């Protein structure tokens, strides 16, 4: 199963291949995508992305995880979260969201088992 391409990104809106709706923030993995609802884990810009935000994507068996920190990189990614991912043997790339989407889509075209979590505003 391949990862869906992110077909468009603008402030506050992302569209993912195969999804009939758009997302403000999203999670993507081989074979699927869904909204990333920060309320599920109590995520805030600071301290930022929590391991619980990534579990669903990591359980899909990805080799690489791309994290988009927002258009202005306001969303933090603590070292403990990066360590959580690398301890599972998964390569993690943390980037500004436009760069993260470009990196993710590049990996998709290469056929990589890639997943991601992306914040489309600040």
PDB file of N, CA and C in Angstrom:
ATOM      1  N   UNK A   1       0.844  -1.178   0.000  1.00  0.00           N
ATOM      2  CA  UNK A   1       0.000   0.000   0.000  1.00  0.00           C
ATOM      3  C   UNK A   1       0.891   1.242   0.000  1.00  0.00           C
ATOM      4  N   UNK A   2       0.586   2.187  -0.866  1.00  0.00           N
ATOM      5  CA  UNK A   2       1.412   3.386  -0.954  1.00  0.00           C
ATOM      6  C   UNK A   2       0.841   4.519  -0.111  1.00  0.00           C
ATOM      7  N   UNK A   3       1.707   5.465   0.189  1.00  0.00           N
ATOM      8  CA  UNK A   3       1.292   6.653   0.932  1.00  0.00           C
ATOM      9  C   UNK A   3       0.612   7.625  -0.023  1.00  0.00           C
ATOM     10  N   UNK A   4      -0.454   8.294   0.432  1.00  0.00           N
ATOM     11  CA  UNK A   4      -1.143   9.241  -0.438  1.00  0.00           C
ATOM     12  C   UNK A   4      -0.346  10.535  -0.588  1.00  0.00           C
ATOM     13  N   UNK A   5      -0.363  11.083  -1.778  1.00  0.00           N
ATOM     14  CA  UNK A   5       0.299  12.361  -2.029  1.00  0.00           C
ATOM     15  C   UNK A   5      -0.509  13.494  -1.402  1.00  0.00           C
ATOM     16  N   UNK A   6       0.175  14.505  -0.927  1.00  0.00           N
ATOM     17  CA  UNK A   6      -0.494  15.733  -0.493  1.00  0.00           C
ATOM     18  C   UNK A   6      -0.593  16.598  -1.745  1.00  0.00           C
ATOM     19  N   UNK A   7      -1.820  16.798  -2.219  1.00  0.00           N
ATOM     20  CA  UNK A   7      -2.016  17.442  -3.521  1.00  0.00           C
ATOM     21  C   UNK A   7      -2.050  18.959  -3.448  1.00  0.00           C
ATOM     22  N   UNK A   8      -2.359  19.523  -2.288  1.00  0.00           N
ATOM     23  CA  UNK A   8      -2.300  20.979  -2.161  1.00  0.00           C
ATOM     24  C   UNK A   8      -2.129  21.375  -0.702  1.00  0.00           C
ATOM     25  N   UNK A   9      -1.501  22.530  -0.532  1.00  0.00           N
ATOM     26  CA  UNK A   9      -1.263  23.098   0.789  1.00  0.00           C
ATOM     27  C   UNK A   9      -1.399  24.609   0.684  1.00  0.00           C
ATOM     28  N   UNK A  10      -2.214  25.166   1.544  1.00  0.00           N
ATOM     29  CA  UNK A  10      -2.290  26.614   1.703  1.00  0.00           C
ATOM     30  C   UNK A  10      -2.540  26.868   3.184  1.00  0.00           C
ATOM     31  N   UNK A  11      -2.488  28.121   3.593  1.00  0.00           N
ATOM     32  CA  UNK A  11      -2.667  28.448   5.008  1.00  0.00           C
ATOM     33  C   UNK A  11      -4.001  27.885   5.488  1.00  0.00           C
ATOM     34  N   UNK A  12      -3.945  26.974   6.444  1.00  0.00           N
ATOM     35  CA  UNK A  12      -5.150  26.422   7.057  1.00  0.00           C
ATOM     36  C   UNK A  12      -5.868  25.345   6.269  1.00  0.00           C
ATOM     37  N   UNK A  13      -5.272  24.882   5.166  1.00  0.00           N
ATOM     38  CA  UNK A  13      -5.956  23.846   4.373  1.00  0.00           C
ATOM     39  C   UNK A  13      -4.962  22.959   3.628  1.00  0.00           C
ATOM     40  N   UNK A  14      -5.190  21.665   3.781  1.00  0.00           N
ATOM     41  CA  UNK A  14      -4.408  20.663   3.063  1.00  0.00           C
ATOM     42  C   UNK A  14      -5.374  19.694   2.408  1.00  0.00           C
ATOM     43  N   UNK A  15      -5.040  19.271   1.190  1.00  0.00           N
ATOM     44  CA  UNK A  15      -5.825  18.252   0.498  1.00  0.00           C
ATOM     45  C   UNK A  15      -4.911  17.070   0.227  1.00  0.00           C
ATOM     46  N   UNK A  16      -5.444  15.880   0.517  1.00  0.00           N
ATOM     47  CA  UNK A  16      -4.682  14.647   0.397  1.00  0.00           C
ATOM     48  C   UNK A  16      -5.359  13.752  -0.633  1.00  0.00           C
ATOM     49  N   UNK A  17      -4.552  13.163  -1.489  1.00  0.00           N
ATOM     50  CA  UNK A  17      -5.044  12.242  -2.512  1.00  0.00           C
ATOM     51  C   UNK A  17      -5.921  11.162  -1.866  1.00  0.00           C
ATOM     52  N   UNK A  18      -7.082  10.940  -2.454  1.00  0.00           N
ATOM     53  CA  UNK A  18      -7.980   9.897  -1.971  1.00  0.00           C
ATOM     54  C   UNK A  18      -8.937  10.335  -0.884  1.00  0.00           C
ATOM     55  N   UNK A  19      -8.801  11.557  -0.386  1.00  0.00           N
ATOM     56  CA  UNK A  19      -9.705  12.057   0.651  1.00  0.00           C
ATOM     57  C   UNK A  19     -10.675  13.055   0.032  1.00  0.00           C
ATOM     58  N   UNK A  20     -11.936  12.924   0.393  1.00  0.00           N
ATOM     59  CA  UNK A  20     -12.952  13.826  -0.157  1.00  0.00           C
ATOM     60  C   UNK A  20     -13.041  15.139   0.616  1.00  0.00           C
ATOM     61  N   UNK A  21     -12.364  15.219   1.754  1.00  0.00           N
ATOM     62  CA  UNK A  21     -12.408  16.453   2.547  1.00  0.00           C
ATOM     63  C   UNK A  21     -11.010  17.057   2.644  1.00  0.00           C
ATOM     64  N   UNK A  22     -10.957  18.300   3.067  1.00  0.00           N
ATOM     65  CA  UNK A  22      -9.660  18.937   3.291  1.00  0.00           C
ATOM     66  C   UNK A  22      -9.402  18.974   4.798  1.00  0.00           C
ATOM     67  N   UNK A  23      -8.160  19.174   5.147  1.00  0.00           N
ATOM     68  CA  UNK A  23      -7.744  19.172   6.546  1.00  0.00           C
ATOM     69  C   UNK A  23      -7.051  20.482   6.895  1.00  0.00           C
ATOM     70  N   UNK A  24      -7.184  20.907   8.151  1.00  0.00           N
ATOM     71  CA  UNK A  24      -6.362  22.010   8.664  1.00  0.00           C
ATOM     72  C   UNK A  24      -4.991  21.445   9.038  1.00  0.00           C
ATOM     73  N   UNK A  25      -5.002  20.426   9.840  1.00  0.00           N
ATOM     74  CA  UNK A  25      -3.810  19.674  10.210  1.00  0.00           C
ATOM     75  C   UNK A  25      -4.115  18.224   9.882  1.00  0.00           C
ATOM     76  N   UNK A  26      -3.113  17.466   9.443  1.00  0.00           N
ATOM     77  CA  UNK A  26      -3.432  16.086   9.073  1.00  0.00           C
ATOM     78  C   UNK A  26      -2.324  15.117   9.400  1.00  0.00           C
ATOM     79  N   UNK A  27      -2.751  13.851   9.448  1.00  0.00           N
ATOM     80  CA  UNK A  27      -1.861  12.710   9.589  1.00  0.00           C
ATOM     81  C   UNK A  27      -2.025  11.894   8.311  1.00  0.00           C
ATOM     82  N   UNK A  28      -0.913  11.414   7.768  1.00  0.00           N
ATOM     83  CA  UNK A  28      -0.952  10.569   6.576  1.00  0.00           C
ATOM     84  C   UNK A  28      -0.045   9.367   6.787  1.00  0.00           C
ATOM     85  N   UNK A  29      -0.393   8.259   6.164  1.00  0.00           N
ATOM     86  CA  UNK A  29       0.368   7.023   6.289  1.00  0.00           C
ATOM     87  C   UNK A  29       0.041   6.160   5.076  1.00  0.00           C
ATOM     88  N   UNK A  30       0.789   5.091   4.846  1.00  0.00           N
ATOM     89  CA  UNK A  30       0.480   4.234   3.700  1.00  0.00           C
ATOM     90  C   UNK A  30      -0.974   3.744   3.762  1.00  0.00           C
ATOM     91  N   UNK A  31      -1.738   4.144   2.764  1.00  0.00           N
ATOM     92  CA  UNK A  31      -3.129   3.717   2.675  1.00  0.00           C
ATOM     93  C   UNK A  31      -4.142   4.621   3.333  1.00  0.00           C
ATOM     94  N   UNK A  32      -3.729   5.744   3.945  1.00  0.00           N
ATOM     95  CA  UNK A  32      -4.745   6.549   4.603  1.00  0.00           C
ATOM     96  C   UNK A  32      -4.318   7.932   5.048  1.00  0.00           C
ATOM     97  N   UNK A  33      -5.325   8.661   5.511  1.00  0.00           N
ATOM     98  CA  UNK A  33      -5.112   9.986   6.084  1.00  0.00           C
ATOM     99  C   UNK A  33      -6.310  10.336   6.949  1.00  0.00           C
ATOM    100  N   UNK A  34      -6.104  11.296   7.826  1.00  0.00           N
ATOM    101  CA  UNK A  34      -7.209  11.823   8.626  1.00  0.00           C
ATOM    102  C   UNK A  34      -6.788  13.149   9.236  1.00  0.00           C
ATOM    103  N   UNK A  35      -7.778  13.854   9.789  1.00  0.00           N
ATOM    104  CA  UNK A  35      -7.487  15.106  10.478  1.00  0.00           C
ATOM    105  C   UNK A  35      -6.634  14.816  11.706  1.00  0.00           C
ATOM    106  N   UNK A  36      -5.720  15.709  11.988  1.00  0.00           N
ATOM    107  CA  UNK A  36      -4.915  15.648  13.200  1.00  0.00           C
ATOM    108  C   UNK A  36      -5.556  16.605  14.187  1.00  0.00           C
ATOM    109  N   UNK A  37      -6.302  16.039  15.122  1.00  0.00           N
ATOM    110  CA  UNK A  37      -7.027  16.814  16.129  1.00  0.00           C
ATOM    111  C   UNK A  37      -6.175  16.889  17.388  1.00  0.00           C
ATOM    112  N   UNK A  38      -5.603  18.045  17.635  1.00  0.00           N
ATOM    113  CA  UNK A  38      -4.704  18.215  18.779  1.00  0.00           C
ATOM    114  C   UNK A  38      -5.404  17.967  20.108  1.00  0.00           C
ATOM    115  N   UNK A  39      -6.706  18.122  20.145  1.00  0.00           N
ATOM    116  CA  UNK A  39      -7.451  17.916  21.409  1.00  0.00           C
ATOM    117  C   UNK A  39      -7.371  16.473  21.878  1.00  0.00           C
ATOM    118  N   UNK A  40      -7.146  15.534  20.972  1.00  0.00           N
ATOM    119  CA  UNK A  40      -7.066  14.122  21.358  1.00  0.00           C
ATOM    120  C   UNK A  40      -5.936  13.855  22.351  1.00  0.00           C
ATOM    121  N   UNK A  41      -4.852  14.602  22.233  1.00  0.00           N
ATOM    122  CA  UNK A  41      -3.682  14.366  23.088  1.00  0.00           C
ATOM    123  C   UNK A  41      -3.291  15.584  23.918  1.00  0.00           C
ATOM    124  N   UNK A  42      -4.041  16.669  23.797  1.00  0.00           N
ATOM    125  CA  UNK A  42      -3.722  17.882  24.534  1.00  0.00           C
ATOM    126  C   UNK A  42      -2.522  18.632  23.971  1.00  0.00           C
ATOM    127  N   UNK A  43      -2.250  18.426  22.700  1.00  0.00           N
ATOM    128  CA  UNK A  43      -1.110  19.084  22.059  1.00  0.00           C
ATOM    129  C   UNK A  43      -1.324  20.593  21.977  1.00  0.00           C
ATOM    130  N   UNK A  44      -0.255  21.318  22.197  1.00  0.00           N
ATOM    131  CA  UNK A  44      -0.214  22.776  22.053  1.00  0.00           C
ATOM    132  C   UNK A  44       1.070  23.108  21.294  1.00  0.00           C
ATOM    133  N   UNK A  45       1.179  24.348  20.839  1.00  0.00           N
ATOM    134  CA  UNK A  45       2.394  24.740  20.118  1.00  0.00           C
ATOM    135  C   UNK A  45       3.649  24.503  20.954  1.00  0.00           C
ATOM    136  N   UNK A  46       3.533  24.756  22.255  1.00  0.00           N
ATOM    137  CA  UNK A  46       4.615  24.492  23.202  1.00  0.00           C
ATOM    138  C   UNK A  46       4.011  23.664  24.328  1.00  0.00           C
ATOM    139  N   UNK A  47       4.518  22.506  24.672  1.00  0.00           N
ATOM    140  CA  UNK A  47       5.800  21.957  24.273  1.00  0.00           C
ATOM    141  C   UNK A  47       5.812  21.320  22.878  1.00  0.00           C
ATOM    142  N   UNK A  48       4.648  21.153  22.255  1.00  0.00           N
ATOM    143  CA  UNK A  48       4.645  20.697  20.873  1.00  0.00           C
ATOM    144  C   UNK A  48       4.174  19.269  20.678  1.00  0.00           C
ATOM    145  N   UNK A  49       4.654  18.676  19.595  1.00  0.00           N
ATOM    146  CA  UNK A  49       4.242  17.339  19.165  1.00  0.00           C
ATOM    147  C   UNK A  49       4.624  16.310  20.227  1.00  0.00           C
ATOM    148  N   UNK A  50       3.643  15.502  20.613  1.00  0.00           N
ATOM    149  CA  UNK A  50       3.843  14.476  21.635  1.00  0.00           C
ATOM    150  C   UNK A  50       3.940  13.099  20.977  1.00  0.00           C
ATOM    151  N   UNK A  51       4.621  12.152  21.620  1.00  0.00           N
ATOM    152  CA  UNK A  51       4.658  10.800  21.065  1.00  0.00           C
ATOM    153  C   UNK A  51       3.261  10.248  20.745  1.00  0.00           C
ATOM    154  N   UNK A  52       2.281  10.562  21.580  1.00  0.00           N
ATOM    155  CA  UNK A  52       0.915  10.062  21.340  1.00  0.00           C
ATOM    156  C   UNK A  52       0.340  10.582  20.020  1.00  0.00           C
ATOM    157  N   UNK A  53       0.805  11.744  19.550  1.00  0.00           N
ATOM    158  CA  UNK A  53       0.355  12.277  18.269  1.00  0.00           C
ATOM    159  C   UNK A  53       0.841  11.414  17.103  1.00  0.00           C
ATOM    160  N   UNK A  54       1.907  10.662  17.327  1.00  0.00           N
ATOM    161  CA  UNK A  54       2.574   9.931  16.255  1.00  0.00           C
ATOM    162  C   UNK A  54       2.270   8.441  16.236  1.00  0.00           C
ATOM    163  N   UNK A  55       1.729   7.902  17.325  1.00  0.00           N
ATOM    164  CA  UNK A  55       1.495   6.456  17.444  1.00  0.00           C
ATOM    165  C   UNK A  55       0.757   5.859  16.258  1.00  0.00           C
ATOM    166  N   UNK A  56      -0.348   6.465  15.878  1.00  0.00           N
ATOM    167  CA  UNK A  56      -1.181   5.926  14.796  1.00  0.00           C
ATOM    168  C   UNK A  56      -0.383   5.798  13.496  1.00  0.00           C
ATOM    169  N   UNK A  57       0.404   6.815  13.180  1.00  0.00           N
ATOM    170  CA  UNK A  57       1.192   6.797  11.950  1.00  0.00           C
ATOM    171  C   UNK A  57       2.316   5.765  12.061  1.00  0.00           C
ATOM    172  N   UNK A  58       2.985   5.714  13.200  1.00  0.00           N
ATOM    173  CA  UNK A  58       4.076   4.764  13.383  1.00  0.00           C
ATOM    174  C   UNK A  58       3.584   3.313  13.329  1.00  0.00           C
ATOM    175  N   UNK A  59       2.400   3.053  13.818  1.00  0.00           N
ATOM    176  CA  UNK A  59       1.852   1.694  13.809  1.00  0.00           C
ATOM    177  C   UNK A  59       1.553   1.198  12.400  1.00  0.00           C
ATOM    178  N   UNK A  60       1.534   2.101  11.423  1.00  0.00           N
ATOM    179  CA  UNK A  60       1.274   1.699  10.040  1.00  0.00           C
ATOM    180  C   UNK A  60       2.514   1.090   9.386  1.00  0.00           C
ATOM    181  N   UNK A  61       3.642   1.107  10.091  1.00  0.00           N
ATOM    182  CA  UNK A  61       4.856   0.474   9.591  1.00  0.00           C
ATOM    183  C   UNK A  61       5.720   1.345   8.698  1.00  0.00           C
ATOM    184  N   UNK A  62       5.687   2.656   8.912  1.00  0.00           N
ATOM    185  CA  UNK A  62       6.500   3.550   8.089  1.00  0.00           C
ATOM    186  C   UNK A  62       7.986   3.405   8.411  1.00  0.00           C
ATOM    187  N   UNK A  63       8.812   3.689   7.407  1.00  0.00           N
ATOM    188  CA  UNK A  63      10.260   3.727   7.592  1.00  0.00           C
ATOM    189  C   UNK A  63      10.740   5.146   7.856  1.00  0.00           C
ATOM    190  N   UNK A  64       9.951   6.128   7.367  1.00  0.00           N
ATOM    191  CA  UNK A  64      10.285   7.542   7.533  1.00  0.00           C
ATOM    192  C   UNK A  64       9.050   8.294   7.991  1.00  0.00           C
ATOM    193  N   UNK A  65       9.229   9.211   8.934  1.00  0.00           N
ATOM    194  CA  UNK A  65       8.162  10.072   9.415  1.00  0.00           C
ATOM    195  C   UNK A  65       8.579  11.519   9.190  1.00  0.00           C
ATOM    196  N   UNK A  66       7.707  12.290   8.533  1.00  0.00           N
ATOM    197  CA  UNK A  66       7.966  13.702   8.289  1.00  0.00           C
ATOM    198  C   UNK A  66       7.015  14.510   9.168  1.00  0.00           C
ATOM    199  N   UNK A  67       7.563  15.480   9.891  1.00  0.00           N
ATOM    200  CA  UNK A  67       6.763  16.338  10.761  1.00  0.00           C
ATOM    201  C   UNK A  67       6.844  17.763  10.239  1.00  0.00           C
ATOM    202  N   UNK A  68       5.675  18.345   9.951  1.00  0.00           N
ATOM    203  CA  UNK A  68       5.595  19.735   9.515  1.00  0.00           C
ATOM    204  C   UNK A  68       5.275  20.636  10.701  1.00  0.00           C
ATOM    205  N   UNK A  69       6.157  21.572  11.004  1.00  0.00           N
ATOM    206  CA  UNK A  69       6.054  22.419  12.199  1.00  0.00           C
ATOM    207  C   UNK A  69       5.181  23.644  12.020  1.00  0.00           C
ATOM    208  N   UNK A  70       4.564  23.806  10.861  1.00  0.00           N
ATOM    209  CA  UNK A  70       3.756  24.987  10.605  1.00  0.00           C
ATOM    210  C   UNK A  70       4.452  25.901   9.610  1.00  0.00           C
ATOM    211  N   UNK A  71       3.675  26.822   9.051  1.00  0.00           N
ATOM    212  CA  UNK A  71       4.207  27.726   8.035  1.00  0.00           C
ATOM    213  C   UNK A  71       5.302  28.631   8.600  1.00  0.00           C
ATOM    214  N   UNK A  72       5.160  29.019   9.859  1.00  0.00           N
ATOM    215  CA  UNK A  72       6.155  29.872  10.515  1.00  0.00           C
ATOM    216  C   UNK A  72       6.950  29.122  11.577  1.00  0.00           C
ATOM    217  N   UNK A  73       6.834  27.799  11.589  1.00  0.00           N
ATOM    218  CA  UNK A  73       7.562  26.917  12.506  1.00  0.00           C
ATOM    219  C   UNK A  73       7.312  27.220  13.978  1.00  0.00           C
ATOM    220  N   UNK A  74       6.055  27.537  14.294  1.00  0.00           N
ATOM    221  CA  UNK A  74       5.695  27.819  15.686  1.00  0.00           C
ATOM    222  C   UNK A  74       5.536  26.520  16.485  1.00  0.00           C
ATOM    223  N   UNK A  75       5.062  25.453  15.844  1.00  0.00           N
ATOM    224  CA  UNK A  75       4.855  24.173  16.526  1.00  0.00           C
ATOM    225  C   UNK A  75       6.205  23.550  16.876  1.00  0.00           C
ATOM    226  N   UNK A  76       6.414  23.294  18.155  1.00  0.00           N
ATOM    227  CA  UNK A  76       7.666  22.717  18.627  1.00  0.00           C
ATOM    228  C   UNK A  76       7.656  21.191  18.486  1.00  0.00           C
ATOM    229  N   UNK A  77       8.845  20.626  18.378  1.00  0.00           N
ATOM    230  CA  UNK A  77       9.027  19.168  18.372  1.00  0.00           C
ATOM    231  C   UNK A  77      10.139  18.876  19.367  1.00  0.00           C
ATOM    232  N   UNK A  78       9.760  18.468  20.580  1.00  0.00           N
ATOM    233  CA  UNK A  78      10.758  18.252  21.629  1.00  0.00           C
ATOM    234  C   UNK A  78      11.731  17.112  21.285  1.00  0.00           C
ATOM    235  N   UNK A  79      12.961  17.201  21.773  1.00  0.00           N
ATOM    236  CA  UNK A  79      13.930  16.120  21.556  1.00  0.00           C
ATOM    237  C   UNK A  79      13.388  14.756  22.003  1.00  0.00           C
ATOM    238  N   UNK A  80      12.612  14.719  23.076  1.00  0.00           N
ATOM    239  CA  UNK A  80      12.059  13.439  23.552  1.00  0.00           C
ATOM    240  C   UNK A  80      11.142  12.807  22.505  1.00  0.00           C
ATOM    241  N   UNK A  81      10.425  13.626  21.746  1.00  0.00           N
ATOM    242  CA  UNK A  81       9.544  13.104  20.697  1.00  0.00           C
ATOM    243  C   UNK A  81      10.373  12.551  19.545  1.00  0.00           C
ATOM    244  N   UNK A  82      11.423  13.267  19.158  1.00  0.00           N
ATOM    245  CA  UNK A  82      12.319  12.772  18.101  1.00  0.00           C
ATOM    246  C   UNK A  82      12.954  11.456  18.542  1.00  0.00           C
ATOM    247  N   UNK A  83      13.415  11.387  19.789  1.00  0.00           N
ATOM    248  CA  UNK A  83      14.019  10.163  20.323  1.00  0.00           C
ATOM    249  C   UNK A  83      13.031   9.007  20.318  1.00  0.00           C
ATOM    250  N   UNK A  84      11.772   9.282  20.674  1.00  0.00           N
ATOM    251  CA  UNK A  84      10.725   8.265  20.661  1.00  0.00           C
ATOM    252  C   UNK A  84      10.624   7.621  19.281  1.00  0.00           C
ATOM    253  N   UNK A  85      10.674   8.435  18.246  1.00  0.00           N
ATOM    254  CA  UNK A  85      10.554   7.925  16.874  1.00  0.00           C
ATOM    255  C   UNK A  85      11.806   7.150  16.475  1.00  0.00           C
ATOM    256  N   UNK A  86      12.979   7.706  16.728  1.00  0.00           N
ATOM    257  CA  UNK A  86      14.215   7.043  16.301  1.00  0.00           C
ATOM    258  C   UNK A  86      14.442   5.730  17.052  1.00  0.00           C
ATOM    259  N   UNK A  87      13.981   5.654  18.304  1.00  0.00           N
ATOM    260  CA  UNK A  87      14.106   4.405  19.061  1.00  0.00           C
ATOM    261  C   UNK A  87      13.261   3.293  18.458  1.00  0.00           C
ATOM    262  N   UNK A  88      12.293   3.637  17.653  1.00  0.00           N
ATOM    263  CA  UNK A  88      11.473   2.643  16.949  1.00  0.00           C
ATOM    264  C   UNK A  88      12.084   2.271  15.598  1.00  0.00           C
ATOM    265  N   UNK A  89      13.274   2.812  15.319  1.00  0.00           N
ATOM    266  CA  UNK A  89      13.956   2.498  14.072  1.00  0.00           C
ATOM    267  C   UNK A  89      13.428   3.260  12.868  1.00  0.00           C
ATOM    268  N   UNK A  90      12.735   4.353  13.123  1.00  0.00           N
ATOM    269  CA  UNK A  90      12.137   5.150  12.047  1.00  0.00           C
ATOM    270  C   UNK A  90      12.936   6.440  11.879  1.00  0.00           C
ATOM    271  N   UNK A  91      13.264   6.761  10.632  1.00  0.00           N
ATOM    272  CA  UNK A  91      13.936   8.020  10.304  1.00  0.00           C
ATOM    273  C   UNK A  91      12.919   9.137  10.467  1.00  0.00           C
ATOM    274  N   UNK A  92      13.297  10.218  11.128  1.00  0.00           N
ATOM    275  CA  UNK A  92      12.368  11.338  11.335  1.00  0.00           C
ATOM    276  C   UNK A  92      12.972  12.609  10.755  1.00  0.00           C
ATOM    277  N   UNK A  93      12.112  13.361  10.062  1.00  0.00           N
ATOM    278  CA  UNK A  93      12.532  14.625   9.456  1.00  0.00           C
ATOM    279  C   UNK A  93      11.572  15.707   9.919  1.00  0.00           C
ATOM    280  N   UNK A  94      12.105  16.734  10.555  1.00  0.00           N
ATOM    281  CA  UNK A  94      11.315  17.827  11.118  1.00  0.00           C
ATOM    282  C   UNK A  94      11.617  19.087  10.309  1.00  0.00           C
ATOM    283  N   UNK A  95      10.572  19.632   9.664  1.00  0.00           N
ATOM    284  CA  UNK A  95      10.767  20.749   8.753  1.00  0.00           C
ATOM    285  C   UNK A  95       9.617  21.744   8.831  1.00  0.00           C
ATOM    286  N   UNK A  96       9.851  22.938   8.304  1.00  0.00           N
ATOM    287  CA  UNK A  96       8.779  23.898   8.074  1.00  0.00           C
ATOM    288  C   UNK A  96       7.768  23.200   7.155  1.00  0.00           C
ATOM    289  N   UNK A  97       6.480  23.468   7.325  1.00  0.00           N
ATOM    290  CA  UNK A  97       5.455  22.654   6.671  1.00  0.00           C
ATOM    291  C   UNK A  97       5.557  22.620   5.148  1.00  0.00           C
ATOM    292  N   UNK A  98       5.802  23.734   4.486  1.00  0.00           N
ATOM    293  CA  UNK A  98       5.915  23.678   3.022  1.00  0.00           C
ATOM    294  C   UNK A  98       7.078  22.778   2.602  1.00  0.00           C
ATOM    295  N   UNK A  99       8.196  22.866   3.307  1.00  0.00           N
ATOM    296  CA  UNK A  99       9.346  22.013   3.014  1.00  0.00           C
ATOM    297  C   UNK A  99       9.052  20.561   3.390  1.00  0.00           C
ATOM    298  N   UNK A 100       8.312  20.378   4.485  1.00  0.00           N
ATOM    299  CA  UNK A 100       7.953  19.034   4.926  1.00  0.00           C
ATOM    300  C   UNK A 100       7.061  18.339   3.901  1.00  0.00           C
ATOM    301  N   UNK A 101       6.086  19.067   3.363  1.00  0.00           N
ATOM    302  CA  UNK A 101       5.190  18.491   2.355  1.00  0.00           C
ATOM    303  C   UNK A 101       5.980  18.135   1.096  1.00  0.00           C
ATOM    304  N   UNK A 102       6.896  19.007   0.677  1.00  0.00           N
ATOM    305  CA  UNK A 102       7.722  18.715  -0.493  1.00  0.00           C
ATOM    306  C   UNK A 102       8.574  17.466  -0.258  1.00  0.00           C
ATOM    307  N   UNK A 103       9.163  17.363   0.923  1.00  0.00           N
ATOM    308  CA  UNK A 103       9.979  16.188   1.266  1.00  0.00           C
ATOM    309  C   UNK A 103       9.126  14.923   1.293  1.00  0.00           C
ATOM    310  N   UNK A 104       7.981  15.011   1.944  1.00  0.00           N
ATOM    311  CA  UNK A 104       7.062  13.878   2.026  1.00  0.00           C
ATOM    312  C   UNK A 104       6.662  13.420   0.615  1.00  0.00           C
ATOM    313  N   UNK A 105       6.208  14.356  -0.228  1.00  0.00           N
ATOM    314  CA  UNK A 105       5.775  13.995  -1.581  1.00  0.00           C
ATOM    315  C   UNK A 105       6.910  13.409  -2.407  1.00  0.00           C
ATOM    316  N   UNK A 106       8.121  13.900  -2.221  1.00  0.00           N
ATOM    317  CA  UNK A 106       9.280  13.342  -2.903  1.00  0.00           C
ATOM    318  C   UNK A 106       9.476  11.875  -2.504  1.00  0.00           C
ATOM    319  N   UNK A 107       9.373  11.604  -1.211  1.00  0.00           N
ATOM    320  CA  UNK A 107       9.503  10.227  -0.723  1.00  0.00           C
ATOM    321  C   UNK A 107       8.378   9.342  -1.258  1.00  0.00           C
ATOM    322  N   UNK A 108       7.161   9.891  -1.345  1.00  0.00           N
ATOM    323  CA  UNK A 108       6.030   9.137  -1.907  1.00  0.00           C
ATOM    324  C   UNK A 108       6.351   8.727  -3.342  1.00  0.00           C
ATOM    325  N   UNK A 109       6.844   9.657  -4.155  1.00  0.00           N
ATOM    326  CA  UNK A 109       7.142   9.339  -5.558  1.00  0.00           C
ATOM    327  C   UNK A 109       8.256   8.304  -5.684  1.00  0.00           C
ATOM    328  N   UNK A 110       9.114   8.206  -4.667  1.00  0.00           N
ATOM    329  CA  UNK A 110      10.178   7.200  -4.661  1.00  0.00           C
ATOM    330  C   UNK A 110       9.680   5.841  -4.171  1.00  0.00           C
ATOM    331  N   UNK A 111       8.404   5.782  -3.746  1.00  0.00           N
ATOM    332  CA  UNK A 111       7.833   4.525  -3.264  1.00  0.00           C
ATOM    333  C   UNK A 111       8.178   4.189  -1.827  1.00  0.00           C
ATOM    334  N   UNK A 112       8.649   5.166  -1.079  1.00  0.00           N
ATOM    335  CA  UNK A 112       9.022   4.938   0.325  1.00  0.00           C
ATOM    336  C   UNK A 112       7.785   4.692   1.184  1.00  0.00           C
ATOM    337  N   UNK A 113       7.993   3.947   2.260  1.00  0.00           N
ATOM    338  CA  UNK A 113       6.937   3.770   3.267  1.00  0.00           C
ATOM    339  C   UNK A 113       7.042   4.961   4.210  1.00  0.00           C
ATOM    340  N   UNK A 114       6.327   6.023   3.865  1.00  0.00           N
ATOM    341  CA  UNK A 114       6.460   7.287   4.581  1.00  0.00           C
ATOM    342  C   UNK A 114       5.125   7.711   5.173  1.00  0.00           C
ATOM    343  N   UNK A 115       5.203   8.319   6.328  1.00  0.00           N
ATOM    344  CA  UNK A 115       4.034   8.897   6.980  1.00  0.00           C
ATOM    345  C   UNK A 115       4.366  10.297   7.423  1.00  0.00           C
ATOM    346  N   UNK A 116       3.355  11.026   7.861  1.00  0.00           N
ATOM    347  CA  UNK A 116       3.627  12.364   8.319  1.00  0.00           C
ATOM    348  C   UNK A 116       2.524  12.953   9.155  1.00  0.00           C
ATOM    349  N   UNK A 117       2.886  13.989   9.871  1.00  0.00           N
ATOM    350  CA  UNK A 117       1.924  14.830  10.583  1.00  0.00           C
ATOM    351  C   UNK A 117       2.279  16.257  10.215  1.00  0.00           C
ATOM    352  N   UNK A 118       1.258  17.030   9.831  1.00  0.00           N
ATOM    353  CA  UNK A 118       1.483  18.355   9.284  1.00  0.00           C
ATOM    354  C   UNK A 118       0.547  19.387   9.902  1.00  0.00           C
ATOM    355  N   UNK A 119       1.126  20.515  10.292  1.00  0.00           N
ATOM    356  CA  UNK A 119       0.387  21.652  10.822  1.00  0.00           C
ATOM    357  C   UNK A 119       0.377  22.725   9.739  1.00  0.00           C
ATOM    358  N   UNK A 120      -0.806  23.188   9.313  1.00  0.00           N
ATOM    359  CA  UNK A 120      -0.879  24.048   8.122  1.00  0.00           C
ATOM    360  C   UNK A 120      -1.036  25.548   8.426  1.00  0.00           C
ATOM    361  N   UNK A 121      -0.998  25.924   9.688  1.00  0.00           N
ATOM    362  CA  UNK A 121      -1.033  27.353   9.983  1.00  0.00           C
ATOM    363  C   UNK A 121       0.281  27.732  10.670  1.00  0.00           C
ATOM    364  N   UNK A 122       0.254  28.679  11.534  1.00  0.00           N
ATOM    365  CA  UNK A 122       1.434  29.244  12.184  1.00  0.00           C
ATOM    366  C   UNK A 122       2.587  28.274  12.313  1.00  0.00           C
TER     367      UNK A 122
END
